[in-house]
Each structure stands twice: as structure tokens, then as C-alpha cells.
């Protein structure tokens, strides 16, 4: 900045006062803007946290806490008979449940404990089978809040086979936010919002917390993402009828002509013993069935079991 050379005495003093006032206004203006941005961010953060905490709180039993907070995952293997291309394929499935801390904003696993984290029961559900010369591999991850009665916070699903692969993700924010990418025409890149409603994928975790809270009667539900990927069905809410019995839960999709029956133990920890899925064949319309039956359940901190010697656990589970 260049200063006028002809300013003397009082005029020079007044000039420097005016410059100082301008600089202070600039500084406090920036501070006010930063403070407003910080307050806005904190308000949004508090809104997100509050909206979660306002949901009805579950009363978790000590038995539940002792089982699920023991520092281990529950791994259950299943023999699978998967209907694909009009034939029954033999394979294996696995349900891997584990509790973990979840970040509410970016919706990923938290690296460290914090009050703002959300405890979730995570399910990684896998299927592996072969059609002729080429294999299929599917995995669906569901992150379901433990303490509050609400919808799943996130679902991510992928399918790989030799023709190509697909990936779908749903995030639970002000709406359900869905993104999907696929090798197949008409499904390549999709982004859309969906109204919040029941999710079939969360049923598998919800019943492990309290099966009596599963929805029943007539309502709308978004079907399993793996089913949608394999059958090329639009991911959206469909009308369903659901029936809860002491040790089974049945969902019937009227428009899809699809029925899912999940059988579980009535007693805690409500282990899933088997399931059956019926739906029409894409080519012939004939009703086909996919069935899975439990083989083995173990509790293990599997993330540390990565040595060659640990493969005996996989043999114990009977997994491919």
C-alpha cells in the first residue's frame, strides 16, 4: 500500500485511523463468515445426531450385549441351491454378523470410538455358485443401528460374474439416496432418491436384535438388492404382505410374484437356520426356488485369521 506523501499532523493521524478501521472490518468480517460456517456445520451435525437419537430407543438385554460385544463376529455357513438360467446350481452362502461403530455423516466404519458414532450390527451376506464354465460371487453389506428403531443406515451390494459386474449403494439420509452401476444396458449409471420405507435387506439384521419388531401386514418394501441385480428388477418400493410366526418370517411381493421365507430360532440369539426364495423364471415364467440350509456356526475374530494355517476354519465351515 502507498501512503500519500503530503499528509501532515492531524490529517496523517486520521488517515492511519481510517486504514486501521478498514483492516479491522476485513478481519472481523472474515471471522464472522468463518463463525457462521462453523455454526452452520455444527447445526447440521446436531440435526443429524438429534434425528437419530429421537428415534425410539431399544432396551437391549444383558444377554444380547454379552453375545454381540464379545469382540468376535458370528459366522454361519449354508449349503446353497441357487436357481439360475432355469437350472438349480449348488453353492455356498455365508452370513457374517459383527457389531461396530459407524460414522453418521459419511456413513463408513469409524476408526476410533466417539460419542457421535452410531453402534451398528453389520451383516456381510455372501453367495458363491457356478453356472457352467463361469462362477458367480455376490456380497451384500447391511449396516443396521442397534440402539434406535430406524431403517438401515447403509446397504452396499456387488455381483461379479464373467459377463460383467454390478454395484449398488443406498444411503439413509433425508431421503434414501441410491446409486447403481452396472455392465448391462439400461442399468449402467443410476442416481435417484427413494422415499423411506422398509428394506428387505435390513430384515436379516433386525430379526437378530428383536424379531417381534419385524413389520407385518400389508405395506411397501424395497426388495433384496442381490435379487434385483440377478433379475434386473428396478429398485423401488413394492407392495408386500408379511407374516411373522414364532420361528419364521414370510414376505410376499404381489407384483413380483416372489416369496421369501426366513426360518430362525425362536430362542436367543435367533440364529437363521434356513431360507427359501420363490420367483418366476425370467424366460419361461415357471416358479423357481432358491434354498439355503445352515451347515455350521462359529464365533471368531476373523479379521485376525489370515494365515495359511487359519484355512482350517474355512474347511470347518464347509465354504468354497
C-alpha atoms as a PDB file:
ATOM      1  CA  UNK A   1       0.000   0.000   0.000  1.00  0.00           C
ATOM      2  CA  UNK A   2       1.374   3.514  -0.861  1.00  0.00           C
ATOM      3  CA  UNK A   3       0.677   6.381   1.543  1.00  0.00           C
ATOM      4  CA  UNK A   4       0.018   9.997   0.458  1.00  0.00           C
ATOM      5  CA  UNK A   5       3.225  11.957   0.979  1.00  0.00           C
ATOM      6  CA  UNK A   6       1.549  15.347   1.581  1.00  0.00           C
ATOM      7  CA  UNK A   7      -0.412  14.348   4.708  1.00  0.00           C
ATOM      8  CA  UNK A   8       0.833  16.052   7.876  1.00  0.00           C
ATOM      9  CA  UNK A   9      -0.210  16.304  11.524  1.00  0.00           C
ATOM     10  CA  UNK A  10      -3.894  15.611  12.244  1.00  0.00           C
ATOM     11  CA  UNK A  11      -4.632  14.623   8.632  1.00  0.00           C
ATOM     12  CA  UNK A  12      -1.915  11.929   8.764  1.00  0.00           C
ATOM     13  CA  UNK A  13      -3.303  10.585  12.078  1.00  0.00           C
ATOM     14  CA  UNK A  14      -6.854  10.484  10.689  1.00  0.00           C
ATOM     15  CA  UNK A  15      -5.650   8.646   7.591  1.00  0.00           C
ATOM     16  CA  UNK A  16      -3.985   5.877   9.603  1.00  0.00           C
ATOM     17  CA  UNK A  17      -7.088   5.562  11.833  1.00  0.00           C
ATOM     18  CA  UNK A  18      -9.254   5.054   8.726  1.00  0.00           C
ATOM     19  CA  UNK A  19      -6.846   2.432   7.371  1.00  0.00           C
ATOM     20  CA  UNK A  20      -6.851   0.620  10.734  1.00  0.00           C
ATOM     21  CA  UNK A  21     -10.669   0.616  10.829  1.00  0.00           C
ATOM     22  CA  UNK A  22     -10.806  -0.849   7.308  1.00  0.00           C
ATOM     23  CA  UNK A  23      -8.362  -3.618   8.203  1.00  0.00           C
ATOM     24  CA  UNK A  24     -10.245  -4.463  11.412  1.00  0.00           C
ATOM     25  CA  UNK A  25     -13.541  -4.588   9.484  1.00  0.00           C
ATOM     26  CA  UNK A  26     -11.983  -7.005   6.992  1.00  0.00           C
ATOM     27  CA  UNK A  27     -10.595  -9.234   9.754  1.00  0.00           C
ATOM     28  CA  UNK A  28     -13.821  -9.367  11.761  1.00  0.00           C
ATOM     29  CA  UNK A  29     -15.854  -9.827   8.572  1.00  0.00           C
ATOM     30  CA  UNK A  30     -13.830 -12.963   7.707  1.00  0.00           C
ATOM     31  CA  UNK A  31     -14.092 -14.182  11.292  1.00  0.00           C
ATOM     32  CA  UNK A  32     -17.855 -13.694  11.261  1.00  0.00           C
ATOM     33  CA  UNK A  33     -18.115 -15.627   7.983  1.00  0.00           C
ATOM     34  CA  UNK A  34     -15.992 -18.467   9.398  1.00  0.00           C
ATOM     35  CA  UNK A  35     -18.019 -18.446  12.619  1.00  0.00           C
ATOM     36  CA  UNK A  36     -21.249 -18.631  10.612  1.00  0.00           C
ATOM     37  CA  UNK A  37     -19.884 -21.516   8.515  1.00  0.00           C
ATOM     38  CA  UNK A  38     -18.808 -23.319  11.701  1.00  0.00           C
ATOM     39  CA  UNK A  39     -22.203 -22.707  13.337  1.00  0.00           C
ATOM     40  CA  UNK A  40     -23.953 -23.960  10.177  1.00  0.00           C
ATOM     41  CA  UNK A  41     -21.828 -27.117  10.140  1.00  0.00           C
ATOM     42  CA  UNK A  42     -22.463 -27.723  13.840  1.00  0.00           C
ATOM     43  CA  UNK A  43     -26.190 -27.127  13.374  1.00  0.00           C
ATOM     44  CA  UNK A  44     -26.306 -29.689  10.587  1.00  0.00           C
ATOM     45  CA  UNK A  45     -24.247 -32.097  12.676  1.00  0.00           C
ATOM     46  CA  UNK A  46     -26.577 -31.659  15.634  1.00  0.00           C
ATOM     47  CA  UNK A  47     -29.617 -32.068  13.404  1.00  0.00           C
ATOM     48  CA  UNK A  48     -28.306 -35.382  12.100  1.00  0.00           C
ATOM     49  CA  UNK A  49     -27.420 -36.620  15.570  1.00  0.00           C
ATOM     50  CA  UNK A  50     -30.686 -35.432  17.063  1.00  0.00           C
ATOM     51  CA  UNK A  51     -32.792 -37.036  14.337  1.00  0.00           C
ATOM     52  CA  UNK A  52     -31.134 -40.358  15.126  1.00  0.00           C
ATOM     53  CA  UNK A  53     -31.471 -40.008  18.869  1.00  0.00           C
ATOM     54  CA  UNK A  54     -35.127 -39.032  18.576  1.00  0.00           C
ATOM     55  CA  UNK A  55     -35.964 -42.490  17.228  1.00  0.00           C
ATOM     56  CA  UNK A  56     -37.408 -44.920  19.792  1.00  0.00           C
ATOM     57  CA  UNK A  57     -34.623 -46.480  21.851  1.00  0.00           C
ATOM     58  CA  UNK A  58     -34.369 -50.256  22.194  1.00  0.00           C
ATOM     59  CA  UNK A  59     -33.894 -51.937  25.531  1.00  0.00           C
ATOM     60  CA  UNK A  60     -31.085 -54.377  24.794  1.00  0.00           C
ATOM     61  CA  UNK A  61     -30.811 -57.264  27.219  1.00  0.00           C
ATOM     62  CA  UNK A  62     -27.559 -58.079  29.004  1.00  0.00           C
ATOM     63  CA  UNK A  63     -27.650 -61.422  27.222  1.00  0.00           C
ATOM     64  CA  UNK A  64     -27.661 -59.620  23.868  1.00  0.00           C
ATOM     65  CA  UNK A  65     -24.769 -57.349  24.875  1.00  0.00           C
ATOM     66  CA  UNK A  66     -22.699 -60.248  26.207  1.00  0.00           C
ATOM     67  CA  UNK A  67     -23.142 -62.160  22.948  1.00  0.00           C
ATOM     68  CA  UNK A  68     -22.594 -59.369  20.436  1.00  0.00           C
ATOM     69  CA  UNK A  69     -20.000 -57.246  22.257  1.00  0.00           C
ATOM     70  CA  UNK A  70     -17.539 -60.053  22.952  1.00  0.00           C
ATOM     71  CA  UNK A  71     -15.050 -58.860  20.313  1.00  0.00           C
ATOM     72  CA  UNK A  72     -15.976 -61.586  17.820  1.00  0.00           C
ATOM     73  CA  UNK A  73     -18.073 -61.994  14.711  1.00  0.00           C
ATOM     74  CA  UNK A  74     -20.683 -64.689  14.224  1.00  0.00           C
ATOM     75  CA  UNK A  75     -20.093 -66.646  11.007  1.00  0.00           C
ATOM     76  CA  UNK A  76     -22.670 -69.107   9.695  1.00  0.00           C
ATOM     77  CA  UNK A  77     -22.219 -71.176   6.541  1.00  0.00           C
ATOM     78  CA  UNK A  78     -25.063 -72.556   4.426  1.00  0.00           C
ATOM     79  CA  UNK A  79     -25.397 -75.115   1.679  1.00  0.00           C
ATOM     80  CA  UNK A  80     -26.972 -73.278  -1.240  1.00  0.00           C
ATOM     81  CA  UNK A  81     -29.178 -74.452  -4.076  1.00  0.00           C
ATOM     82  CA  UNK A  82     -29.459 -71.413  -6.330  1.00  0.00           C
ATOM     83  CA  UNK A  83     -31.843 -71.247  -9.265  1.00  0.00           C
ATOM     84  CA  UNK A  84     -30.158 -69.610 -12.262  1.00  0.00           C
ATOM     85  CA  UNK A  85     -30.927 -69.839 -16.002  1.00  0.00           C
ATOM     86  CA  UNK A  86     -33.662 -72.386 -15.401  1.00  0.00           C
ATOM     87  CA  UNK A  87     -31.463 -74.845 -13.503  1.00  0.00           C
ATOM     88  CA  UNK A  88     -30.529 -75.477  -9.882  1.00  0.00           C
ATOM     89  CA  UNK A  89     -26.886 -74.700  -9.013  1.00  0.00           C
ATOM     90  CA  UNK A  90     -25.100 -75.943  -5.922  1.00  0.00           C
ATOM     91  CA  UNK A  91     -23.024 -73.485  -3.955  1.00  0.00           C
ATOM     92  CA  UNK A  92     -22.417 -71.983  -0.540  1.00  0.00           C
ATOM     93  CA  UNK A  93     -23.644 -68.922   1.309  1.00  0.00           C
ATOM     94  CA  UNK A  94     -22.407 -67.221   4.453  1.00  0.00           C
ATOM     95  CA  UNK A  95     -23.863 -64.703   6.897  1.00  0.00           C
ATOM     96  CA  UNK A  96     -21.196 -62.777   8.814  1.00  0.00           C
ATOM     97  CA  UNK A  97     -22.536 -60.612  11.640  1.00  0.00           C
ATOM     98  CA  UNK A  98     -20.432 -58.235  13.726  1.00  0.00           C
ATOM     99  CA  UNK A  99     -21.021 -55.082  15.775  1.00  0.00           C
ATOM    100  CA  UNK A 100     -19.012 -51.960  15.006  1.00  0.00           C
ATOM    101  CA  UNK A 101     -19.022 -48.175  15.322  1.00  0.00           C
ATOM    102  CA  UNK A 102     -20.382 -46.253  12.341  1.00  0.00           C
ATOM    103  CA  UNK A 103     -19.870 -42.612  11.321  1.00  0.00           C
ATOM    104  CA  UNK A 104     -23.306 -40.972  10.791  1.00  0.00           C
ATOM    105  CA  UNK A 105     -22.203 -38.301   8.287  1.00  0.00           C
ATOM    106  CA  UNK A 106     -20.020 -40.110   5.751  1.00  0.00           C
ATOM    107  CA  UNK A 107     -21.525 -43.498   6.673  1.00  0.00           C
ATOM    108  CA  UNK A 108     -18.468 -45.709   6.939  1.00  0.00           C
ATOM    109  CA  UNK A 109     -16.855 -47.667   9.767  1.00  0.00           C
ATOM    110  CA  UNK A 110     -15.292 -45.424  12.428  1.00  0.00           C
ATOM    111  CA  UNK A 111     -11.584 -45.854  13.101  1.00  0.00           C
ATOM    112  CA  UNK A 112     -11.969 -44.791  16.744  1.00  0.00           C
ATOM    113  CA  UNK A 113     -14.643 -44.651  19.430  1.00  0.00           C
ATOM    114  CA  UNK A 114     -16.561 -41.370  19.819  1.00  0.00           C
ATOM    115  CA  UNK A 115     -19.837 -40.222  21.341  1.00  0.00           C
ATOM    116  CA  UNK A 116     -21.139 -39.205  17.912  1.00  0.00           C
ATOM    117  CA  UNK A 117     -20.628 -42.709  16.459  1.00  0.00           C
ATOM    118  CA  UNK A 118     -23.614 -44.977  15.901  1.00  0.00           C
ATOM    119  CA  UNK A 119     -23.346 -48.619  17.035  1.00  0.00           C
ATOM    120  CA  UNK A 120     -24.495 -50.918  14.231  1.00  0.00           C
ATOM    121  CA  UNK A 121     -24.939 -54.619  13.660  1.00  0.00           C
ATOM    122  CA  UNK A 122     -23.286 -55.228  10.288  1.00  0.00           C
ATOM    123  CA  UNK A 123     -24.176 -58.162   8.072  1.00  0.00           C
ATOM    124  CA  UNK A 124     -21.993 -59.269   5.185  1.00  0.00           C
ATOM    125  CA  UNK A 125     -24.080 -61.810   3.250  1.00  0.00           C
ATOM    126  CA  UNK A 126     -22.274 -63.781   0.541  1.00  0.00           C
ATOM    127  CA  UNK A 127     -23.194 -66.312  -2.135  1.00  0.00           C
ATOM    128  CA  UNK A 128     -20.908 -68.338  -4.396  1.00  0.00           C
ATOM    129  CA  UNK A 129     -22.013 -70.748  -7.125  1.00  0.00           C
ATOM    130  CA  UNK A 130     -21.073 -71.757 -10.663  1.00  0.00           C
ATOM    131  CA  UNK A 131     -23.134 -71.705 -13.859  1.00  0.00           C
ATOM    132  CA  UNK A 132     -21.492 -73.980 -16.431  1.00  0.00           C
ATOM    133  CA  UNK A 133     -17.975 -72.682 -17.002  1.00  0.00           C
ATOM    134  CA  UNK A 134     -18.244 -69.383 -15.126  1.00  0.00           C
ATOM    135  CA  UNK A 135     -18.690 -68.512 -11.424  1.00  0.00           C
ATOM    136  CA  UNK A 136     -20.927 -66.051  -9.582  1.00  0.00           C
ATOM    137  CA  UNK A 137     -19.905 -64.168  -6.458  1.00  0.00           C
ATOM    138  CA  UNK A 138     -22.327 -61.903  -4.599  1.00  0.00           C
ATOM    139  CA  UNK A 139     -21.950 -59.871  -1.411  1.00  0.00           C
ATOM    140  CA  UNK A 140     -24.380 -57.547   0.340  1.00  0.00           C
ATOM    141  CA  UNK A 141     -23.395 -55.412   3.336  1.00  0.00           C
ATOM    142  CA  UNK A 142     -26.104 -54.006   5.611  1.00  0.00           C
ATOM    143  CA  UNK A 143     -25.427 -51.554   8.440  1.00  0.00           C
ATOM    144  CA  UNK A 144     -28.306 -51.568  10.910  1.00  0.00           C
ATOM    145  CA  UNK A 145     -28.464 -49.309  14.021  1.00  0.00           C
ATOM    146  CA  UNK A 146     -28.513 -51.209  17.294  1.00  0.00           C
ATOM    147  CA  UNK A 147     -29.819 -48.694  19.823  1.00  0.00           C
ATOM    148  CA  UNK A 148     -32.564 -46.946  17.846  1.00  0.00           C
ATOM    149  CA  UNK A 149     -35.539 -48.277  15.927  1.00  0.00           C
ATOM    150  CA  UNK A 150     -34.948 -46.969  12.420  1.00  0.00           C
ATOM    151  CA  UNK A 151     -34.117 -48.116   8.901  1.00  0.00           C
ATOM    152  CA  UNK A 152     -30.693 -49.399   7.889  1.00  0.00           C
ATOM    153  CA  UNK A 153     -28.146 -46.605   7.576  1.00  0.00           C
ATOM    154  CA  UNK A 154     -26.464 -48.070   4.512  1.00  0.00           C
ATOM    155  CA  UNK A 155     -26.671 -51.030   2.133  1.00  0.00           C
ATOM    156  CA  UNK A 156     -23.962 -51.896  -0.407  1.00  0.00           C
ATOM    157  CA  UNK A 157     -24.257 -54.790  -2.857  1.00  0.00           C
ATOM    158  CA  UNK A 158     -21.993 -56.140  -5.582  1.00  0.00           C
ATOM    159  CA  UNK A 159     -22.177 -59.051  -8.026  1.00  0.00           C
ATOM    160  CA  UNK A 160     -19.310 -60.401 -10.114  1.00  0.00           C
ATOM    161  CA  UNK A 161     -19.510 -62.926 -12.940  1.00  0.00           C
ATOM    162  CA  UNK A 162     -17.733 -63.340 -16.257  1.00  0.00           C
ATOM    163  CA  UNK A 163     -20.223 -61.260 -18.243  1.00  0.00           C
ATOM    164  CA  UNK A 164     -19.628 -58.232 -16.020  1.00  0.00           C
ATOM    165  CA  UNK A 165     -20.285 -56.835 -12.574  1.00  0.00           C
ATOM    166  CA  UNK A 166     -22.737 -54.531 -10.783  1.00  0.00           C
ATOM    167  CA  UNK A 167     -22.570 -52.306  -7.715  1.00  0.00           C
ATOM    168  CA  UNK A 168     -25.456 -50.691  -5.831  1.00  0.00           C
ATOM    169  CA  UNK A 169     -25.381 -48.498  -2.723  1.00  0.00           C
ATOM    170  CA  UNK A 170     -28.145 -46.952  -0.641  1.00  0.00           C
ATOM    171  CA  UNK A 171     -27.500 -44.278   1.984  1.00  0.00           C
ATOM    172  CA  UNK A 172     -30.106 -43.308   4.576  1.00  0.00           C
ATOM    173  CA  UNK A 173     -30.082 -39.507   4.808  1.00  0.00           C
ATOM    174  CA  UNK A 174     -33.026 -37.071   4.498  1.00  0.00           C
ATOM    175  CA  UNK A 175     -34.193 -39.482   1.781  1.00  0.00           C
ATOM    176  CA  UNK A 176     -32.877 -42.831   0.660  1.00  0.00           C
ATOM    177  CA  UNK A 177     -30.083 -41.940  -1.784  1.00  0.00           C
ATOM    178  CA  UNK A 178     -29.409 -44.693  -4.327  1.00  0.00           C
ATOM    179  CA  UNK A 179     -26.501 -45.042  -6.749  1.00  0.00           C
ATOM    180  CA  UNK A 180     -26.083 -48.032  -9.046  1.00  0.00           C
ATOM    181  CA  UNK A 181     -23.514 -49.002 -11.669  1.00  0.00           C
ATOM    182  CA  UNK A 182     -23.820 -51.961 -13.994  1.00  0.00           C
ATOM    183  CA  UNK A 183     -22.293 -53.583 -17.045  1.00  0.00           C
ATOM    184  CA  UNK A 184     -25.765 -54.141 -18.526  1.00  0.00           C
ATOM    185  CA  UNK A 185     -27.639 -51.822 -20.885  1.00  0.00           C
ATOM    186  CA  UNK A 186     -30.293 -49.707 -19.213  1.00  0.00           C
ATOM    187  CA  UNK A 187     -28.665 -50.153 -15.790  1.00  0.00           C
ATOM    188  CA  UNK A 188     -25.276 -48.527 -16.417  1.00  0.00           C
ATOM    189  CA  UNK A 189     -25.269 -45.472 -14.115  1.00  0.00           C
ATOM    190  CA  UNK A 190     -28.276 -44.605 -11.965  1.00  0.00           C
ATOM    191  CA  UNK A 191     -28.710 -41.981  -9.249  1.00  0.00           C
ATOM    192  CA  UNK A 192     -32.055 -41.357  -7.611  1.00  0.00           C
ATOM    193  CA  UNK A 193     -33.819 -40.703  -4.337  1.00  0.00           C
ATOM    194  CA  UNK A 194     -36.401 -43.033  -2.852  1.00  0.00           C
ATOM    195  CA  UNK A 195     -38.995 -42.449  -0.149  1.00  0.00           C
ATOM    196  CA  UNK A 196     -38.090 -44.041   3.153  1.00  0.00           C
ATOM    197  CA  UNK A 197     -39.804 -47.358   3.650  1.00  0.00           C
ATOM    198  CA  UNK A 198     -38.982 -50.889   4.799  1.00  0.00           C
ATOM    199  CA  UNK A 199     -35.916 -52.586   3.331  1.00  0.00           C
ATOM    200  CA  UNK A 200     -35.773 -56.338   2.849  1.00  0.00           C
ATOM    201  CA  UNK A 201     -32.023 -56.329   3.430  1.00  0.00           C
ATOM    202  CA  UNK A 202     -32.450 -54.938   6.954  1.00  0.00           C
ATOM    203  CA  UNK A 203     -34.809 -57.763   7.943  1.00  0.00           C
ATOM    204  CA  UNK A 204     -31.832 -60.117   8.317  1.00  0.00           C
ATOM    205  CA  UNK A 205     -30.229 -57.885  10.955  1.00  0.00           C
ATOM    206  CA  UNK A 206     -33.409 -56.615  12.580  1.00  0.00           C
ATOM    207  CA  UNK A 207     -34.577 -60.108  13.499  1.00  0.00           C
ATOM    208  CA  UNK A 208     -31.223 -60.798  15.183  1.00  0.00           C
ATOM    209  CA  UNK A 209     -31.953 -57.889  17.537  1.00  0.00           C
ATOM    210  CA  UNK A 210     -35.662 -58.440  18.122  1.00  0.00           C
ATOM    211  CA  UNK A 211     -37.781 -60.474  15.663  1.00  0.00           C
ATOM    212  CA  UNK A 212     -41.001 -59.294  17.340  1.00  0.00           C
ATOM    213  CA  UNK A 213     -40.394 -55.824  15.837  1.00  0.00           C
ATOM    214  CA  UNK A 214     -40.466 -57.071  12.232  1.00  0.00           C
ATOM    215  CA  UNK A 215     -43.238 -55.366  10.219  1.00  0.00           C
ATOM    216  CA  UNK A 216     -46.344 -57.403   9.406  1.00  0.00           C
ATOM    217  CA  UNK A 217     -49.466 -56.966   7.304  1.00  0.00           C
ATOM    218  CA  UNK A 218     -49.650 -55.025   4.038  1.00  0.00           C
ATOM    219  CA  UNK A 219     -47.095 -52.307   3.324  1.00  0.00           C
ATOM    220  CA  UNK A 220     -44.372 -51.291   0.852  1.00  0.00           C
ATOM    221  CA  UNK A 221     -40.855 -52.736   0.890  1.00  0.00           C
ATOM    222  CA  UNK A 222     -37.710 -52.388  -1.226  1.00  0.00           C
ATOM    223  CA  UNK A 223     -36.577 -55.897  -2.257  1.00  0.00           C
ATOM    224  CA  UNK A 224     -33.183 -57.524  -1.733  1.00  0.00           C
ATOM    225  CA  UNK A 225     -30.505 -55.776  -3.794  1.00  0.00           C
ATOM    226  CA  UNK A 226     -28.936 -59.107  -4.816  1.00  0.00           C
ATOM    227  CA  UNK A 227     -32.291 -60.333  -6.152  1.00  0.00           C
ATOM    228  CA  UNK A 228     -32.740 -57.056  -8.064  1.00  0.00           C
ATOM    229  CA  UNK A 229     -29.275 -57.381  -9.613  1.00  0.00           C
ATOM    230  CA  UNK A 230     -29.765 -61.001 -10.706  1.00  0.00           C
ATOM    231  CA  UNK A 231     -33.299 -60.494 -12.029  1.00  0.00           C
ATOM    232  CA  UNK A 232     -32.697 -56.982 -13.448  1.00  0.00           C
ATOM    233  CA  UNK A 233     -35.547 -55.509 -11.406  1.00  0.00           C
ATOM    234  CA  UNK A 234     -35.912 -51.825 -10.639  1.00  0.00           C
ATOM    235  CA  UNK A 235     -35.004 -50.947  -7.064  1.00  0.00           C
ATOM    236  CA  UNK A 236     -38.096 -49.237  -5.697  1.00  0.00           C
ATOM    237  CA  UNK A 237     -40.829 -49.928  -3.110  1.00  0.00           C
ATOM    238  CA  UNK A 238     -43.252 -52.763  -3.954  1.00  0.00           C
ATOM    239  CA  UNK A 239     -46.439 -53.816  -2.203  1.00  0.00           C
ATOM    240  CA  UNK A 240     -45.885 -56.786   0.121  1.00  0.00           C
ATOM    241  CA  UNK A 241     -47.728 -58.910   2.631  1.00  0.00           C
ATOM    242  CA  UNK A 242     -45.630 -60.066   5.586  1.00  0.00           C
ATOM    243  CA  UNK A 243     -46.409 -62.715   8.198  1.00  0.00           C
ATOM    244  CA  UNK A 244     -44.436 -63.298  11.393  1.00  0.00           C
ATOM    245  CA  UNK A 245     -44.630 -66.689  13.113  1.00  0.00           C
ATOM    246  CA  UNK A 246     -42.693 -67.773  16.229  1.00  0.00           C
ATOM    247  CA  UNK A 247     -39.727 -69.045  14.186  1.00  0.00           C
ATOM    248  CA  UNK A 248     -40.271 -67.799  10.620  1.00  0.00           C
ATOM    249  CA  UNK A 249     -40.878 -64.608   8.684  1.00  0.00           C
ATOM    250  CA  UNK A 250     -42.575 -64.599   5.269  1.00  0.00           C
ATOM    251  CA  UNK A 251     -42.593 -61.760   2.738  1.00  0.00           C
ATOM    252  CA  UNK A 252     -44.735 -61.973  -0.399  1.00  0.00           C
ATOM    253  CA  UNK A 253     -44.269 -59.464  -3.240  1.00  0.00           C
ATOM    254  CA  UNK A 254     -47.512 -59.386  -5.182  1.00  0.00           C
ATOM    255  CA  UNK A 255     -46.315 -57.672  -8.374  1.00  0.00           C
ATOM    256  CA  UNK A 256     -43.051 -59.637  -8.497  1.00  0.00           C
ATOM    257  CA  UNK A 257     -44.723 -62.987  -7.748  1.00  0.00           C
ATOM    258  CA  UNK A 258     -41.885 -63.529  -5.304  1.00  0.00           C
ATOM    259  CA  UNK A 259     -41.948 -65.030  -1.809  1.00  0.00           C
ATOM    260  CA  UNK A 260     -39.180 -65.151   0.785  1.00  0.00           C
ATOM    261  CA  UNK A 261     -39.344 -67.313   3.927  1.00  0.00           C
ATOM    262  CA  UNK A 262     -36.651 -66.933   6.606  1.00  0.00           C
ATOM    263  CA  UNK A 263     -36.552 -69.596   9.337  1.00  0.00           C
ATOM    264  CA  UNK A 264     -34.816 -68.727  12.615  1.00  0.00           C
ATOM    265  CA  UNK A 265     -34.584 -69.994  16.169  1.00  0.00           C
ATOM    266  CA  UNK A 266     -37.260 -68.642  18.463  1.00  0.00           C
ATOM    267  CA  UNK A 267     -34.773 -68.514  21.332  1.00  0.00           C
ATOM    268  CA  UNK A 268     -31.905 -66.033  21.515  1.00  0.00           C
ATOM    269  CA  UNK A 269     -29.659 -65.454  19.568  1.00  0.00           C
ATOM    270  CA  UNK A 270     -32.306 -66.076  16.867  1.00  0.00           C
ATOM    271  CA  UNK A 271     -29.887 -67.820  14.510  1.00  0.00           C
ATOM    272  CA  UNK A 272     -31.053 -68.067  10.904  1.00  0.00           C
ATOM    273  CA  UNK A 273     -31.456 -71.772  10.191  1.00  0.00           C
ATOM    274  CA  UNK A 274     -32.552 -71.655   6.548  1.00  0.00           C
ATOM    275  CA  UNK A 275     -34.360 -69.613   3.933  1.00  0.00           C
ATOM    276  CA  UNK A 276     -36.282 -70.202   0.710  1.00  0.00           C
ATOM    277  CA  UNK A 277     -36.995 -67.820  -2.128  1.00  0.00           C
ATOM    278  CA  UNK A 278     -39.545 -68.474  -4.891  1.00  0.00           C
ATOM    279  CA  UNK A 279     -39.979 -66.371  -8.029  1.00  0.00           C
ATOM    280  CA  UNK A 280     -40.861 -66.856 -11.718  1.00  0.00           C
ATOM    281  CA  UNK A 281     -38.200 -67.819 -14.241  1.00  0.00           C
ATOM    282  CA  UNK A 282     -37.386 -64.844 -16.497  1.00  0.00           C
ATOM    283  CA  UNK A 283     -37.696 -66.903 -19.687  1.00  0.00           C
ATOM    284  CA  UNK A 284     -40.450 -69.418 -19.014  1.00  0.00           C
ATOM    285  CA  UNK A 285     -42.421 -67.871 -16.131  1.00  0.00           C
ATOM    286  CA  UNK A 286     -42.159 -71.149 -14.228  1.00  0.00           C
ATOM    287  CA  UNK A 287     -41.748 -70.707 -10.470  1.00  0.00           C
ATOM    288  CA  UNK A 288     -38.186 -71.475  -9.371  1.00  0.00           C
ATOM    289  CA  UNK A 289     -36.789 -71.943  -5.878  1.00  0.00           C
ATOM    290  CA  UNK A 290     -33.552 -70.966  -4.195  1.00  0.00           C
ATOM    291  CA  UNK A 291     -32.862 -72.615  -0.823  1.00  0.00           C
ATOM    292  CA  UNK A 292     -30.155 -72.383   1.817  1.00  0.00           C
ATOM    293  CA  UNK A 293     -29.711 -74.607   4.901  1.00  0.00           C
ATOM    294  CA  UNK A 294     -27.337 -73.969   7.790  1.00  0.00           C
ATOM    295  CA  UNK A 295     -24.181 -76.058   7.975  1.00  0.00           C
ATOM    296  CA  UNK A 296     -22.077 -74.541  10.756  1.00  0.00           C
ATOM    297  CA  UNK A 297     -21.905 -71.518  13.083  1.00  0.00           C
ATOM    298  CA  UNK A 298     -18.723 -70.279  14.776  1.00  0.00           C
ATOM    299  CA  UNK A 299     -17.732 -67.157  16.726  1.00  0.00           C
ATOM    300  CA  UNK A 300     -14.391 -65.751  15.613  1.00  0.00           C
ATOM    301  CA  UNK A 301     -12.391 -62.523  15.300  1.00  0.00           C
ATOM    302  CA  UNK A 302     -11.898 -63.494  11.653  1.00  0.00           C
ATOM    303  CA  UNK A 303     -10.046 -60.276  10.712  1.00  0.00           C
ATOM    304  CA  UNK A 304      -7.013 -61.681  12.523  1.00  0.00           C
ATOM    305  CA  UNK A 305      -7.322 -65.151  10.987  1.00  0.00           C
ATOM    306  CA  UNK A 306      -5.360 -64.535   7.802  1.00  0.00           C
ATOM    307  CA  UNK A 307      -2.552 -67.101   7.978  1.00  0.00           C
ATOM    308  CA  UNK A 308      -2.413 -70.188   5.776  1.00  0.00           C
ATOM    309  CA  UNK A 309      -2.924 -72.254   8.921  1.00  0.00           C
ATOM    310  CA  UNK A 310      -6.251 -70.458   9.543  1.00  0.00           C
ATOM    311  CA  UNK A 311      -7.760 -72.021   6.408  1.00  0.00           C
ATOM    312  CA  UNK A 312      -8.809 -74.940   8.597  1.00  0.00           C
ATOM    313  CA  UNK A 313     -11.605 -72.688   9.897  1.00  0.00           C
ATOM    314  CA  UNK A 314     -12.877 -72.320   6.342  1.00  0.00           C
ATOM    315  CA  UNK A 315     -12.825 -76.089   5.971  1.00  0.00           C
ATOM    316  CA  UNK A 316     -14.738 -76.363   9.237  1.00  0.00           C
ATOM    317  CA  UNK A 317     -17.390 -74.035   7.830  1.00  0.00           C
ATOM    318  CA  UNK A 318     -17.528 -76.033   4.572  1.00  0.00           C
ATOM    319  CA  UNK A 319     -17.154 -72.929   2.399  1.00  0.00           C
ATOM    320  CA  UNK A 320     -15.949 -72.950  -1.221  1.00  0.00           C
END
